[in-house]
Amino acid sequence: MKSLSVILENDMTKGIPIIKNGELPACKQCHFYRANSYLMEYGSHYGMCGKFGIKDIITDKILFHYADHCRNTDSLCGNSGTYFKQEPYLWWKEKIHTTKKCAIPIFIVSGMGMMYYCMKQ
């Protein structure tokens, strides 16, 4: 059996990329991910996790934990993404998020599908 250093050395010489956590799911692809409404980018460290939060018993509002906090805490989702659930409408959620920041959103629907453009003033 080869040692790990020999395997990594062979992979590096073959041009195979070695990405730490590359096989783990990203929070922004999760059904529970809530993007920060103040940022243009959909996936950021300031996004919230809709799976974990604390309810204020006076106002009835739920304060959600930051997604990166949940991924760094093993008792929540942890590094492995224990509660990850693939978002089936990820493309749509990303477009809706960026449309809020767009001056003139344009949706073109055809028999081939739907396209989105953002015209800035």
PDB file of N, CA and C in Angstrom:
ATOM      1  N   MET A   1       0.843  -1.183   0.000  1.00  0.00           N
ATOM      2  CA  MET A   1       0.000   0.000   0.000  1.00  0.00           C
ATOM      3  C   MET A   1       0.888   1.245   0.000  1.00  0.00           C
ATOM      4  N   LYS A   2       0.538   2.198  -0.858  1.00  0.00           N
ATOM      5  CA  LYS A   2       1.328   3.424  -0.973  1.00  0.00           C
ATOM      6  C   LYS A   2       1.005   4.377   0.168  1.00  0.00           C
ATOM      7  N   SER A   3       1.990   5.163   0.548  1.00  0.00           N
ATOM      8  CA  SER A   3       1.751   6.160   1.586  1.00  0.00           C
ATOM      9  C   SER A   3       1.025   7.362   0.979  1.00  0.00           C
ATOM     10  N   LEU A   4       0.409   8.161   1.824  1.00  0.00           N
ATOM     11  CA  LEU A   4      -0.358   9.326   1.374  1.00  0.00           C
ATOM     12  C   LEU A   4       0.532  10.318   0.644  1.00  0.00           C
ATOM     13  N   SER A   5       1.768  10.511   1.127  1.00  0.00           N
ATOM     14  CA  SER A   5       2.664  11.476   0.478  1.00  0.00           C
ATOM     15  C   SER A   5       3.011  11.042  -0.943  1.00  0.00           C
ATOM     16  N   VAL A   6       3.170   9.725  -1.171  1.00  0.00           N
ATOM     17  CA  VAL A   6       3.463   9.220  -2.517  1.00  0.00           C
ATOM     18  C   VAL A   6       2.251   9.412  -3.425  1.00  0.00           C
ATOM     19  N   ILE A   7       1.046   9.151  -2.909  1.00  0.00           N
ATOM     20  CA  ILE A   7      -0.179   9.328  -3.686  1.00  0.00           C
ATOM     21  C   ILE A   7      -0.350  10.792  -4.063  1.00  0.00           C
ATOM     22  N   LEU A   8      -0.183  11.703  -3.102  1.00  0.00           N
ATOM     23  CA  LEU A   8      -0.317  13.133  -3.379  1.00  0.00           C
ATOM     24  C   LEU A   8       0.741  13.596  -4.371  1.00  0.00           C
ATOM     25  N   GLU A   9       1.964  13.089  -4.225  1.00  0.00           N
ATOM     26  CA  GLU A   9       3.037  13.468  -5.133  1.00  0.00           C
ATOM     27  C   GLU A   9       2.714  13.002  -6.548  1.00  0.00           C
ATOM     28  N   ASN A  10       2.208  11.789  -6.694  1.00  0.00           N
ATOM     29  CA  ASN A  10       1.832  11.280  -8.014  1.00  0.00           C
ATOM     30  C   ASN A  10       0.687  12.090  -8.613  1.00  0.00           C
ATOM     31  N   ASP A  11      -0.313  12.447  -7.798  1.00  0.00           N
ATOM     32  CA  ASP A  11      -1.433  13.244  -8.294  1.00  0.00           C
ATOM     33  C   ASP A  11      -0.961  14.619  -8.757  1.00  0.00           C
ATOM     34  N   MET A  12      -0.038  15.211  -8.019  1.00  0.00           N
ATOM     35  CA  MET A  12       0.470  16.532  -8.388  1.00  0.00           C
ATOM     36  C   MET A  12       1.250  16.465  -9.698  1.00  0.00           C
ATOM     37  N   THR A  13       2.020  15.400  -9.891  1.00  0.00           N
ATOM     38  CA  THR A  13       2.797  15.292 -11.125  1.00  0.00           C
ATOM     39  C   THR A  13       1.904  14.968 -12.318  1.00  0.00           C
ATOM     40  N   LYS A  14       0.749  14.357 -12.077  1.00  0.00           N
ATOM     41  CA  LYS A  14      -0.177  14.029 -13.156  1.00  0.00           C
ATOM     42  C   LYS A  14      -1.074  15.215 -13.504  1.00  0.00           C
ATOM     43  N   GLY A  15      -1.014  16.284 -12.748  1.00  0.00           N
ATOM     44  CA  GLY A  15      -1.835  17.454 -13.021  1.00  0.00           C
ATOM     45  C   GLY A  15      -3.234  17.369 -12.456  1.00  0.00           C
ATOM     46  N   ILE A  16      -3.483  16.427 -11.553  1.00  0.00           N
ATOM     47  CA  ILE A  16      -4.796  16.308 -10.931  1.00  0.00           C
ATOM     48  C   ILE A  16      -4.862  17.315  -9.787  1.00  0.00           C
ATOM     49  N   PRO A  17      -5.841  18.237  -9.805  1.00  0.00           N
ATOM     50  CA  PRO A  17      -5.911  19.229  -8.728  1.00  0.00           C
ATOM     51  C   PRO A  17      -6.315  18.590  -7.396  1.00  0.00           C
ATOM     52  N   ILE A  18      -5.736  19.096  -6.338  1.00  0.00           N
ATOM     53  CA  ILE A  18      -6.073  18.629  -4.999  1.00  0.00           C
ATOM     54  C   ILE A  18      -6.719  19.813  -4.280  1.00  0.00           C
ATOM     55  N   ILE A  19      -8.014  19.729  -4.075  1.00  0.00           N
ATOM     56  CA  ILE A  19      -8.780  20.807  -3.465  1.00  0.00           C
ATOM     57  C   ILE A  19      -9.277  20.329  -2.104  1.00  0.00           C
ATOM     58  N   LYS A  20      -8.886  21.024  -1.051  1.00  0.00           N
ATOM     59  CA  LYS A  20      -9.384  20.681   0.277  1.00  0.00           C
ATOM     60  C   LYS A  20     -10.873  20.982   0.341  1.00  0.00           C
ATOM     61  N   ASN A  21     -11.666  20.070   0.865  1.00  0.00           N
ATOM     62  CA  ASN A  21     -13.126  20.181   0.985  1.00  0.00           C
ATOM     63  C   ASN A  21     -13.834  20.242  -0.365  1.00  0.00           C
ATOM     64  N   GLY A  22     -13.174  19.866  -1.428  1.00  0.00           N
ATOM     65  CA  GLY A  22     -13.750  19.922  -2.766  1.00  0.00           C
ATOM     66  C   GLY A  22     -14.966  19.036  -2.952  1.00  0.00           C
ATOM     67  N   GLU A  23     -15.048  17.956  -2.211  1.00  0.00           N
ATOM     68  CA  GLU A  23     -16.164  17.025  -2.351  1.00  0.00           C
ATOM     69  C   GLU A  23     -17.354  17.395  -1.458  1.00  0.00           C
ATOM     70  N   LEU A  24     -17.184  18.381  -0.597  1.00  0.00           N
ATOM     71  CA  LEU A  24     -18.260  18.774   0.321  1.00  0.00           C
ATOM     72  C   LEU A  24     -19.223  19.747  -0.352  1.00  0.00           C
ATOM     73  N   PRO A  25     -20.510  19.680  -0.013  1.00  0.00           N
ATOM     74  CA  PRO A  25     -21.478  20.604  -0.628  1.00  0.00           C
ATOM     75  C   PRO A  25     -21.300  22.031  -0.113  1.00  0.00           C
ATOM     76  N   ALA A  26     -21.591  23.001  -0.968  1.00  0.00           N
ATOM     77  CA  ALA A  26     -21.500  24.413  -0.593  1.00  0.00           C
ATOM     78  C   ALA A  26     -22.821  24.874   0.004  1.00  0.00           C
ATOM     79  N   CYS A  27     -22.756  25.719   1.007  1.00  0.00           N
ATOM     80  CA  CYS A  27     -23.965  26.225   1.667  1.00  0.00           C
ATOM     81  C   CYS A  27     -24.890  26.925   0.681  1.00  0.00           C
ATOM     82  N   LYS A  28     -24.333  27.671  -0.270  1.00  0.00           N
ATOM     83  CA  LYS A  28     -25.177  28.429  -1.202  1.00  0.00           C
ATOM     84  C   LYS A  28     -26.020  27.521  -2.090  1.00  0.00           C
ATOM     85  N   GLN A  29     -25.688  26.231  -2.162  1.00  0.00           N
ATOM     86  CA  GLN A  29     -26.472  25.279  -2.947  1.00  0.00           C
ATOM     87  C   GLN A  29     -27.530  24.571  -2.103  1.00  0.00           C
ATOM     88  N   CYS A  30     -27.613  24.913  -0.830  1.00  0.00           N
ATOM     89  CA  CYS A  30     -28.529  24.243   0.095  1.00  0.00           C
ATOM     90  C   CYS A  30     -29.912  24.919   0.096  1.00  0.00           C
ATOM     91  N   HIS A  31     -30.926  24.126   0.269  1.00  0.00           N
ATOM     92  CA  HIS A  31     -32.308  24.599   0.340  1.00  0.00           C
ATOM     93  C   HIS A  31     -32.496  25.592   1.495  1.00  0.00           C
ATOM     94  N   PHE A  32     -31.764  25.432   2.577  1.00  0.00           N
ATOM     95  CA  PHE A  32     -31.936  26.267   3.764  1.00  0.00           C
ATOM     96  C   PHE A  32     -31.139  27.575   3.715  1.00  0.00           C
ATOM     97  N   TYR A  33     -30.274  27.751   2.719  1.00  0.00           N
ATOM     98  CA  TYR A  33     -29.421  28.943   2.644  1.00  0.00           C
ATOM     99  C   TYR A  33     -30.254  30.186   2.334  1.00  0.00           C
ATOM    100  N   ARG A  34     -29.989  31.259   3.070  1.00  0.00           N
ATOM    101  CA  ARG A  34     -30.662  32.545   2.854  1.00  0.00           C
ATOM    102  C   ARG A  34     -29.583  33.588   2.580  1.00  0.00           C
ATOM    103  N   ALA A  35     -29.589  34.118   1.375  1.00  0.00           N
ATOM    104  CA  ALA A  35     -28.567  35.086   0.969  1.00  0.00           C
ATOM    105  C   ALA A  35     -28.751  36.409   1.702  1.00  0.00           C
ATOM    106  N   ASN A  36     -27.653  37.114   1.905  1.00  0.00           N
ATOM    107  CA  ASN A  36     -27.688  38.432   2.514  1.00  0.00           C
ATOM    108  C   ASN A  36     -28.298  39.401   1.505  1.00  0.00           C
ATOM    109  N   SER A  37     -29.366  40.065   1.874  1.00  0.00           N
ATOM    110  CA  SER A  37     -30.092  40.931   0.930  1.00  0.00           C
ATOM    111  C   SER A  37     -29.348  42.226   0.611  1.00  0.00           C
ATOM    112  N   TYR A  38     -28.291  42.541   1.361  1.00  0.00           N
ATOM    113  CA  TYR A  38     -27.560  43.780   1.114  1.00  0.00           C
ATOM    114  C   TYR A  38     -26.386  43.602   0.161  1.00  0.00           C
ATOM    115  N   LEU A  39     -26.060  42.364  -0.185  1.00  0.00           N
ATOM    116  CA  LEU A  39     -24.928  42.099  -1.057  1.00  0.00           C
ATOM    117  C   LEU A  39     -25.402  41.640  -2.429  1.00  0.00           C
ATOM    118  N   MET A  40     -24.675  42.028  -3.466  1.00  0.00           N
ATOM    119  CA  MET A  40     -25.019  41.627  -4.831  1.00  0.00           C
ATOM    120  C   MET A  40     -24.732  40.141  -5.039  1.00  0.00           C
ATOM    121  N   GLU A  41     -23.645  39.660  -4.469  1.00  0.00           N
ATOM    122  CA  GLU A  41     -23.259  38.261  -4.655  1.00  0.00           C
ATOM    123  C   GLU A  41     -24.218  37.349  -3.896  1.00  0.00           C
ATOM    124  N   TYR A  42     -24.655  36.270  -4.527  1.00  0.00           N
ATOM    125  CA  TYR A  42     -25.606  35.348  -3.902  1.00  0.00           C
ATOM    126  C   TYR A  42     -24.962  34.536  -2.783  1.00  0.00           C
ATOM    127  N   GLY A  43     -23.824  33.961  -3.013  1.00  0.00           N
ATOM    128  CA  GLY A  43     -23.159  33.143  -1.989  1.00  0.00           C
ATOM    129  C   GLY A  43     -22.065  33.935  -1.312  1.00  0.00           C
ATOM    130  N   SER A  44     -22.182  34.189  -0.034  1.00  0.00           N
ATOM    131  CA  SER A  44     -21.143  34.911   0.703  1.00  0.00           C
ATOM    132  C   SER A  44     -21.105  34.405   2.138  1.00  0.00           C
ATOM    133  N   HIS A  45     -20.099  34.826   2.864  1.00  0.00           N
ATOM    134  CA  HIS A  45     -19.966  34.418   4.260  1.00  0.00           C
ATOM    135  C   HIS A  45     -21.015  35.089   5.147  1.00  0.00           C
ATOM    136  N   TYR A  46     -21.736  36.046   4.600  1.00  0.00           N
ATOM    137  CA  TYR A  46     -22.759  36.744   5.371  1.00  0.00           C
ATOM    138  C   TYR A  46     -24.158  36.178   5.155  1.00  0.00           C
ATOM    139  N   GLY A  47     -24.255  35.044   4.461  1.00  0.00           N
ATOM    140  CA  GLY A  47     -25.537  34.379   4.268  1.00  0.00           C
ATOM    141  C   GLY A  47     -25.973  33.673   5.543  1.00  0.00           C
ATOM    142  N   MET A  48     -27.255  33.454   5.675  1.00  0.00           N
ATOM    143  CA  MET A  48     -27.816  32.808   6.862  1.00  0.00           C
ATOM    144  C   MET A  48     -28.258  31.385   6.555  1.00  0.00           C
ATOM    145  N   CYS A  49     -28.351  30.584   7.602  1.00  0.00           N
ATOM    146  CA  CYS A  49     -28.854  29.223   7.468  1.00  0.00           C
ATOM    147  C   CYS A  49     -30.272  29.180   8.020  1.00  0.00           C
ATOM    148  N   GLY A  50     -31.236  28.865   7.175  1.00  0.00           N
ATOM    149  CA  GLY A  50     -32.633  28.806   7.586  1.00  0.00           C
ATOM    150  C   GLY A  50     -32.973  27.584   8.412  1.00  0.00           C
ATOM    151  N   LYS A  51     -32.024  26.711   8.630  1.00  0.00           N
ATOM    152  CA  LYS A  51     -32.248  25.498   9.421  1.00  0.00           C
ATOM    153  C   LYS A  51     -32.055  25.773  10.916  1.00  0.00           C
ATOM    154  N   PHE A  52     -31.141  26.684  11.254  1.00  0.00           N
ATOM    155  CA  PHE A  52     -30.803  26.922  12.655  1.00  0.00           C
ATOM    156  C   PHE A  52     -31.011  28.382  13.030  1.00  0.00           C
ATOM    157  N   GLY A  53     -31.710  28.609  14.121  1.00  0.00           N
ATOM    158  CA  GLY A  53     -31.950  29.966  14.574  1.00  0.00           C
ATOM    159  C   GLY A  53     -32.516  29.992  15.978  1.00  0.00           C
ATOM    160  N   ILE A  54     -32.803  31.197  16.438  1.00  0.00           N
ATOM    161  CA  ILE A  54     -33.367  31.420  17.768  1.00  0.00           C
ATOM    162  C   ILE A  54     -34.601  32.298  17.609  1.00  0.00           C
ATOM    163  N   LYS A  55     -35.710  31.844  18.159  1.00  0.00           N
ATOM    164  CA  LYS A  55     -36.961  32.599  18.066  1.00  0.00           C
ATOM    165  C   LYS A  55     -37.084  33.544  19.261  1.00  0.00           C
ATOM    166  N   ASP A  56     -37.380  34.812  18.960  1.00  0.00           N
ATOM    167  CA  ASP A  56     -37.637  35.805  19.993  1.00  0.00           C
ATOM    168  C   ASP A  56     -39.093  35.606  20.432  1.00  0.00           C
ATOM    169  N   ILE A  57     -39.308  35.249  21.687  1.00  0.00           N
ATOM    170  CA  ILE A  57     -40.664  34.915  22.141  1.00  0.00           C
ATOM    171  C   ILE A  57     -41.554  36.149  22.306  1.00  0.00           C
ATOM    172  N   ILE A  58     -40.979  37.338  22.259  1.00  0.00           N
ATOM    173  CA  ILE A  58     -41.773  38.565  22.348  1.00  0.00           C
ATOM    174  C   ILE A  58     -42.231  39.013  20.961  1.00  0.00           C
ATOM    175  N   THR A  59     -41.281  39.119  20.033  1.00  0.00           N
ATOM    176  CA  THR A  59     -41.591  39.635  18.695  1.00  0.00           C
ATOM    177  C   THR A  59     -41.988  38.539  17.710  1.00  0.00           C
ATOM    178  N   ASP A  60     -41.759  37.299  18.044  1.00  0.00           N
ATOM    179  CA  ASP A  60     -42.056  36.148  17.190  1.00  0.00           C
ATOM    180  C   ASP A  60     -41.154  36.088  15.956  1.00  0.00           C
ATOM    181  N   LYS A  61     -40.054  36.855  15.956  1.00  0.00           N
ATOM    182  CA  LYS A  61     -39.113  36.838  14.841  1.00  0.00           C
ATOM    183  C   LYS A  61     -38.030  35.798  15.120  1.00  0.00           C
ATOM    184  N   ILE A  62     -37.562  35.193  14.041  1.00  0.00           N
ATOM    185  CA  ILE A  62     -36.498  34.202  14.175  1.00  0.00           C
ATOM    186  C   ILE A  62     -35.191  34.823  13.696  1.00  0.00           C
ATOM    187  N   LEU A  63     -34.176  34.766  14.530  1.00  0.00           N
ATOM    188  CA  LEU A  63     -32.843  35.224  14.169  1.00  0.00           C
ATOM    189  C   LEU A  63     -32.041  33.994  13.752  1.00  0.00           C
ATOM    190  N   PHE A  64     -31.692  33.909  12.482  1.00  0.00           N
ATOM    191  CA  PHE A  64     -30.977  32.753  11.962  1.00  0.00           C
ATOM    192  C   PHE A  64     -29.481  32.904  12.173  1.00  0.00           C
ATOM    193  N   HIS A  65     -28.798  31.767  12.308  1.00  0.00           N
ATOM    194  CA  HIS A  65     -27.344  31.756  12.444  1.00  0.00           C
ATOM    195  C   HIS A  65     -26.705  31.977  11.072  1.00  0.00           C
ATOM    196  N   TYR A  66     -25.488  32.548  11.086  1.00  0.00           N
ATOM    197  CA  TYR A  66     -24.736  32.672   9.842  1.00  0.00           C
ATOM    198  C   TYR A  66     -24.369  31.276   9.350  1.00  0.00           C
ATOM    199  N   ALA A  67     -24.384  31.113   8.037  1.00  0.00           N
ATOM    200  CA  ALA A  67     -24.102  29.806   7.441  1.00  0.00           C
ATOM    201  C   ALA A  67     -22.700  29.319   7.792  1.00  0.00           C
ATOM    202  N   ASP A  68     -21.709  30.216   7.781  1.00  0.00           N
ATOM    203  CA  ASP A  68     -20.353  29.770   8.098  1.00  0.00           C
ATOM    204  C   ASP A  68     -20.226  29.336   9.556  1.00  0.00           C
ATOM    205  N   HIS A  69     -20.995  29.941  10.454  1.00  0.00           N
ATOM    206  CA  HIS A  69     -21.008  29.508  11.855  1.00  0.00           C
ATOM    207  C   HIS A  69     -21.565  28.083  11.961  1.00  0.00           C
ATOM    208  N   CYS A  70     -22.627  27.813  11.214  1.00  0.00           N
ATOM    209  CA  CYS A  70     -23.231  26.471  11.240  1.00  0.00           C
ATOM    210  C   CYS A  70     -22.273  25.423  10.702  1.00  0.00           C
ATOM    211  N   ARG A  71     -21.511  25.775   9.656  1.00  0.00           N
ATOM    212  CA  ARG A  71     -20.582  24.810   9.072  1.00  0.00           C
ATOM    213  C   ARG A  71     -19.358  24.604   9.958  1.00  0.00           C
ATOM    214  N   ASN A  72     -19.033  25.585  10.785  1.00  0.00           N
ATOM    215  CA  ASN A  72     -17.873  25.457  11.680  1.00  0.00           C
ATOM    216  C   ASN A  72     -18.228  24.855  13.026  1.00  0.00           C
ATOM    217  N   THR A  73     -19.520  24.567  13.267  1.00  0.00           N
ATOM    218  CA  THR A  73     -19.973  24.014  14.537  1.00  0.00           C
ATOM    219  C   THR A  73     -20.516  22.609  14.302  1.00  0.00           C
ATOM    220  N   ASP A  74     -19.835  21.621  14.873  1.00  0.00           N
ATOM    221  CA  ASP A  74     -20.223  20.220  14.653  1.00  0.00           C
ATOM    222  C   ASP A  74     -21.619  19.895  15.170  1.00  0.00           C
ATOM    223  N   SER A  75     -22.088  20.580  16.201  1.00  0.00           N
ATOM    224  CA  SER A  75     -23.423  20.291  16.734  1.00  0.00           C
ATOM    225  C   SER A  75     -24.533  20.852  15.834  1.00  0.00           C
ATOM    226  N   LEU A  76     -24.178  21.714  14.892  1.00  0.00           N
ATOM    227  CA  LEU A  76     -25.147  22.228  13.922  1.00  0.00           C
ATOM    228  C   LEU A  76     -24.974  21.425  12.632  1.00  0.00           C
ATOM    229  N   CYS A  77     -24.530  22.027  11.569  1.00  0.00           N
ATOM    230  CA  CYS A  77     -24.359  21.293  10.305  1.00  0.00           C
ATOM    231  C   CYS A  77     -22.965  20.684  10.183  1.00  0.00           C
ATOM    232  N   GLY A  78     -21.996  21.350  10.751  1.00  0.00           N
ATOM    233  CA  GLY A  78     -20.633  20.834  10.725  1.00  0.00           C
ATOM    234  C   GLY A  78     -19.973  20.960   9.362  1.00  0.00           C
ATOM    235  N   ASN A  79     -18.691  20.664   9.330  1.00  0.00           N
ATOM    236  CA  ASN A  79     -17.907  20.765   8.104  1.00  0.00           C
ATOM    237  C   ASN A  79     -18.452  19.861   7.001  1.00  0.00           C
ATOM    238  N   SER A  80     -18.990  18.719   7.377  1.00  0.00           N
ATOM    239  CA  SER A  80     -19.478  17.756   6.381  1.00  0.00           C
ATOM    240  C   SER A  80     -20.833  18.145   5.790  1.00  0.00           C
ATOM    241  N   GLY A  81     -21.531  19.110   6.379  1.00  0.00           N
ATOM    242  CA  GLY A  81     -22.850  19.515   5.872  1.00  0.00           C
ATOM    243  C   GLY A  81     -23.915  18.482   6.195  1.00  0.00           C
ATOM    244  N   THR A  82     -24.014  18.113   7.456  1.00  0.00           N
ATOM    245  CA  THR A  82     -24.907  17.046   7.900  1.00  0.00           C
ATOM    246  C   THR A  82     -26.349  17.230   7.436  1.00  0.00           C
ATOM    247  N   TYR A  83     -26.877  18.435   7.508  1.00  0.00           N
ATOM    248  CA  TYR A  83     -28.279  18.690   7.166  1.00  0.00           C
ATOM    249  C   TYR A  83     -28.454  19.278   5.769  1.00  0.00           C
ATOM    250  N   PHE A  84     -27.430  19.205   4.935  1.00  0.00           N
ATOM    251  CA  PHE A  84     -27.498  19.758   3.581  1.00  0.00           C
ATOM    252  C   PHE A  84     -28.623  19.107   2.789  1.00  0.00           C
ATOM    253  N   LYS A  85     -29.409  19.951   2.116  1.00  0.00           N
ATOM    254  CA  LYS A  85     -30.482  19.485   1.235  1.00  0.00           C
ATOM    255  C   LYS A  85     -30.371  20.289  -0.057  1.00  0.00           C
ATOM    256  N   GLN A  86     -30.133  19.621  -1.166  1.00  0.00           N
ATOM    257  CA  GLN A  86     -29.910  20.301  -2.446  1.00  0.00           C
ATOM    258  C   GLN A  86     -31.111  21.178  -2.819  1.00  0.00           C
ATOM    259  N   GLU A  87     -30.824  22.427  -3.183  1.00  0.00           N
ATOM    260  CA  GLU A  87     -31.864  23.353  -3.626  1.00  0.00           C
ATOM    261  C   GLU A  87     -32.198  23.060  -5.086  1.00  0.00           C
ATOM    262  N   PRO A  88     -33.427  22.619  -5.385  1.00  0.00           N
ATOM    263  CA  PRO A  88     -33.766  22.287  -6.764  1.00  0.00           C
ATOM    264  C   PRO A  88     -33.908  23.519  -7.668  1.00  0.00           C
ATOM    265  N   TYR A  89     -34.145  24.682  -7.103  1.00  0.00           N
ATOM    266  CA  TYR A  89     -34.341  25.903  -7.887  1.00  0.00           C
ATOM    267  C   TYR A  89     -33.220  26.901  -7.641  1.00  0.00           C
ATOM    268  N   LEU A  90     -31.992  26.424  -7.539  1.00  0.00           N
ATOM    269  CA  LEU A  90     -30.853  27.277  -7.234  1.00  0.00           C
ATOM    270  C   LEU A  90     -30.674  28.388  -8.271  1.00  0.00           C
ATOM    271  N   TRP A  91     -30.758  28.040  -9.552  1.00  0.00           N
ATOM    272  CA  TRP A  91     -30.585  29.045 -10.599  1.00  0.00           C
ATOM    273  C   TRP A  91     -31.586  30.178 -10.422  1.00  0.00           C
ATOM    274  N   TRP A  92     -32.833  29.819 -10.132  1.00  0.00           N
ATOM    275  CA  TRP A  92     -33.887  30.815  -9.966  1.00  0.00           C
ATOM    276  C   TRP A  92     -33.645  31.681  -8.736  1.00  0.00           C
ATOM    277  N   LYS A  93     -33.241  31.073  -7.622  1.00  0.00           N
ATOM    278  CA  LYS A  93     -32.970  31.839  -6.401  1.00  0.00           C
ATOM    279  C   LYS A  93     -31.832  32.837  -6.613  1.00  0.00           C
ATOM    280  N   GLU A  94     -30.794  32.431  -7.331  1.00  0.00           N
ATOM    281  CA  GLU A  94     -29.684  33.334  -7.610  1.00  0.00           C
ATOM    282  C   GLU A  94     -30.138  34.515  -8.472  1.00  0.00           C
ATOM    283  N   LYS A  95     -30.958  34.228  -9.468  1.00  0.00           N
ATOM    284  CA  LYS A  95     -31.432  35.291 -10.351  1.00  0.00           C
ATOM    285  C   LYS A  95     -32.362  36.262  -9.626  1.00  0.00           C
ATOM    286  N   ILE A  96     -33.245  35.755  -8.806  1.00  0.00           N
ATOM    287  CA  ILE A  96     -34.138  36.618  -8.025  1.00  0.00           C
ATOM    288  C   ILE A  96     -33.325  37.513  -7.103  1.00  0.00           C
ATOM    289  N   HIS A  97     -32.295  36.953  -6.480  1.00  0.00           N
ATOM    290  CA  HIS A  97     -31.444  37.725  -5.570  1.00  0.00           C
ATOM    291  C   HIS A  97     -30.751  38.872  -6.309  1.00  0.00           C
ATOM    292  N   THR A  98     -30.178  38.585  -7.477  1.00  0.00           N
ATOM    293  CA  THR A  98     -29.483  39.642  -8.211  1.00  0.00           C
ATOM    294  C   THR A  98     -30.459  40.614  -8.861  1.00  0.00           C
ATOM    295  N   THR A  99     -31.677  40.177  -9.163  1.00  0.00           N
ATOM    296  CA  THR A  99     -32.686  41.064  -9.750  1.00  0.00           C
ATOM    297  C   THR A  99     -33.042  42.188  -8.790  1.00  0.00           C
ATOM    298  N   LYS A 100     -33.025  41.901  -7.508  1.00  0.00           N
ATOM    299  CA  LYS A 100     -33.335  42.934  -6.513  1.00  0.00           C
ATOM    300  C   LYS A 100     -32.341  44.081  -6.589  1.00  0.00           C
ATOM    301  N   LYS A 101     -31.103  43.793  -7.016  1.00  0.00           N
ATOM    302  CA  LYS A 101     -30.058  44.817  -7.100  1.00  0.00           C
ATOM    303  C   LYS A 101     -29.932  45.395  -8.502  1.00  0.00           C
ATOM    304  N   CYS A 102     -30.715  44.893  -9.422  1.00  0.00           N
ATOM    305  CA  CYS A 102     -30.605  45.251 -10.832  1.00  0.00           C
ATOM    306  C   CYS A 102     -31.508  46.442 -11.144  1.00  0.00           C
ATOM    307  N   ALA A 103     -30.988  47.395 -11.924  1.00  0.00           N
ATOM    308  CA  ALA A 103     -31.786  48.567 -12.294  1.00  0.00           C
ATOM    309  C   ALA A 103     -32.916  48.180 -13.247  1.00  0.00           C
ATOM    310  N   ILE A 104     -32.601  47.389 -14.268  1.00  0.00           N
ATOM    311  CA  ILE A 104     -33.610  46.979 -15.251  1.00  0.00           C
ATOM    312  C   ILE A 104     -33.468  45.474 -15.499  1.00  0.00           C
ATOM    313  N   PRO A 105     -34.227  44.648 -14.771  1.00  0.00           N
ATOM    314  CA  PRO A 105     -34.143  43.204 -15.025  1.00  0.00           C
ATOM    315  C   PRO A 105     -34.943  42.826 -16.269  1.00  0.00           C
ATOM    316  N   ILE A 106     -34.380  41.951 -17.087  1.00  0.00           N
ATOM    317  CA  ILE A 106     -35.048  41.507 -18.313  1.00  0.00           C
ATOM    318  C   ILE A 106     -35.067  39.981 -18.319  1.00  0.00           C
ATOM    319  N   PHE A 107     -36.252  39.402 -18.408  1.00  0.00           N
ATOM    320  CA  PHE A 107     -36.410  37.959 -18.520  1.00  0.00           C
ATOM    321  C   PHE A 107     -36.929  37.647 -19.913  1.00  0.00           C
ATOM    322  N   ILE A 108     -36.260  36.741 -20.611  1.00  0.00           N
ATOM    323  CA  ILE A 108     -36.681  36.339 -21.944  1.00  0.00           C
ATOM    324  C   ILE A 108     -37.066  34.864 -21.880  1.00  0.00           C
ATOM    325  N   VAL A 109     -38.329  34.585 -22.172  1.00  0.00           N
ATOM    326  CA  VAL A 109     -38.833  33.212 -22.120  1.00  0.00           C
ATOM    327  C   VAL A 109     -39.072  32.744 -23.549  1.00  0.00           C
ATOM    328  N   SER A 110     -38.544  31.573 -23.869  1.00  0.00           N
ATOM    329  CA  SER A 110     -38.741  30.999 -25.194  1.00  0.00           C
ATOM    330  C   SER A 110     -38.923  29.497 -25.064  1.00  0.00           C
ATOM    331  N   GLY A 111     -39.078  28.826 -26.175  1.00  0.00           N
ATOM    332  CA  GLY A 111     -39.203  27.375 -26.172  1.00  0.00           C
ATOM    333  C   GLY A 111     -37.937  26.691 -25.693  1.00  0.00           C
ATOM    334  N   MET A 112     -36.814  27.387 -25.730  1.00  0.00           N
ATOM    335  CA  MET A 112     -35.530  26.838 -25.291  1.00  0.00           C
ATOM    336  C   MET A 112     -35.324  26.986 -23.781  1.00  0.00           C
ATOM    337  N   GLY A 113     -36.170  27.737 -23.112  1.00  0.00           N
ATOM    338  CA  GLY A 113     -36.006  27.973 -21.682  1.00  0.00           C
ATOM    339  C   GLY A 113     -36.121  29.446 -21.359  1.00  0.00           C
ATOM    340  N   MET A 114     -35.474  29.861 -20.281  1.00  0.00           N
ATOM    341  CA  MET A 114     -35.546  31.251 -19.873  1.00  0.00           C
ATOM    342  C   MET A 114     -34.145  31.820 -19.736  1.00  0.00           C
ATOM    343  N   MET A 115     -33.966  33.065 -20.180  1.00  0.00           N
ATOM    344  CA  MET A 115     -32.688  33.753 -20.046  1.00  0.00           C
ATOM    345  C   MET A 115     -32.916  35.008 -19.222  1.00  0.00           C
ATOM    346  N   TYR A 116     -31.855  35.470 -18.570  1.00  0.00           N
ATOM    347  CA  TYR A 116     -31.942  36.625 -17.698  1.00  0.00           C
ATOM    348  C   TYR A 116     -30.819  37.602 -18.031  1.00  0.00           C
ATOM    349  N   TYR A 117     -31.150  38.867 -18.116  1.00  0.00           N
ATOM    350  CA  TYR A 117     -30.153  39.914 -18.313  1.00  0.00           C
ATOM    351  C   TYR A 117     -30.393  41.007 -17.284  1.00  0.00           C
ATOM    352  N   CYS A 118     -29.314  41.636 -16.883  1.00  0.00           N
ATOM    353  CA  CYS A 118     -29.406  42.740 -15.929  1.00  0.00           C
ATOM    354  C   CYS A 118     -28.789  43.963 -16.581  1.00  0.00           C
ATOM    355  N   MET A 119     -29.614  44.965 -16.890  1.00  0.00           N
ATOM    356  CA  MET A 119     -29.114  46.208 -17.469  1.00  0.00           C
ATOM    357  C   MET A 119     -28.909  47.212 -16.352  1.00  0.00           C
ATOM    358  N   LYS A 120     -27.715  47.734 -16.263  1.00  0.00           N
ATOM    359  CA  LYS A 120     -27.416  48.718 -15.225  1.00  0.00           C
ATOM    360  C   LYS A 120     -27.497  50.111 -15.815  1.00  0.00           C
ATOM    361  N   GLN A 121     -27.977  51.067 -15.031  1.00  0.00           N
ATOM    362  CA  GLN A 121     -28.123  52.425 -15.526  1.00  0.00           C
ATOM    363  C   GLN A 121     -26.821  53.155 -15.398  1.00  0.00           C
TER     364      GLN A 121
END
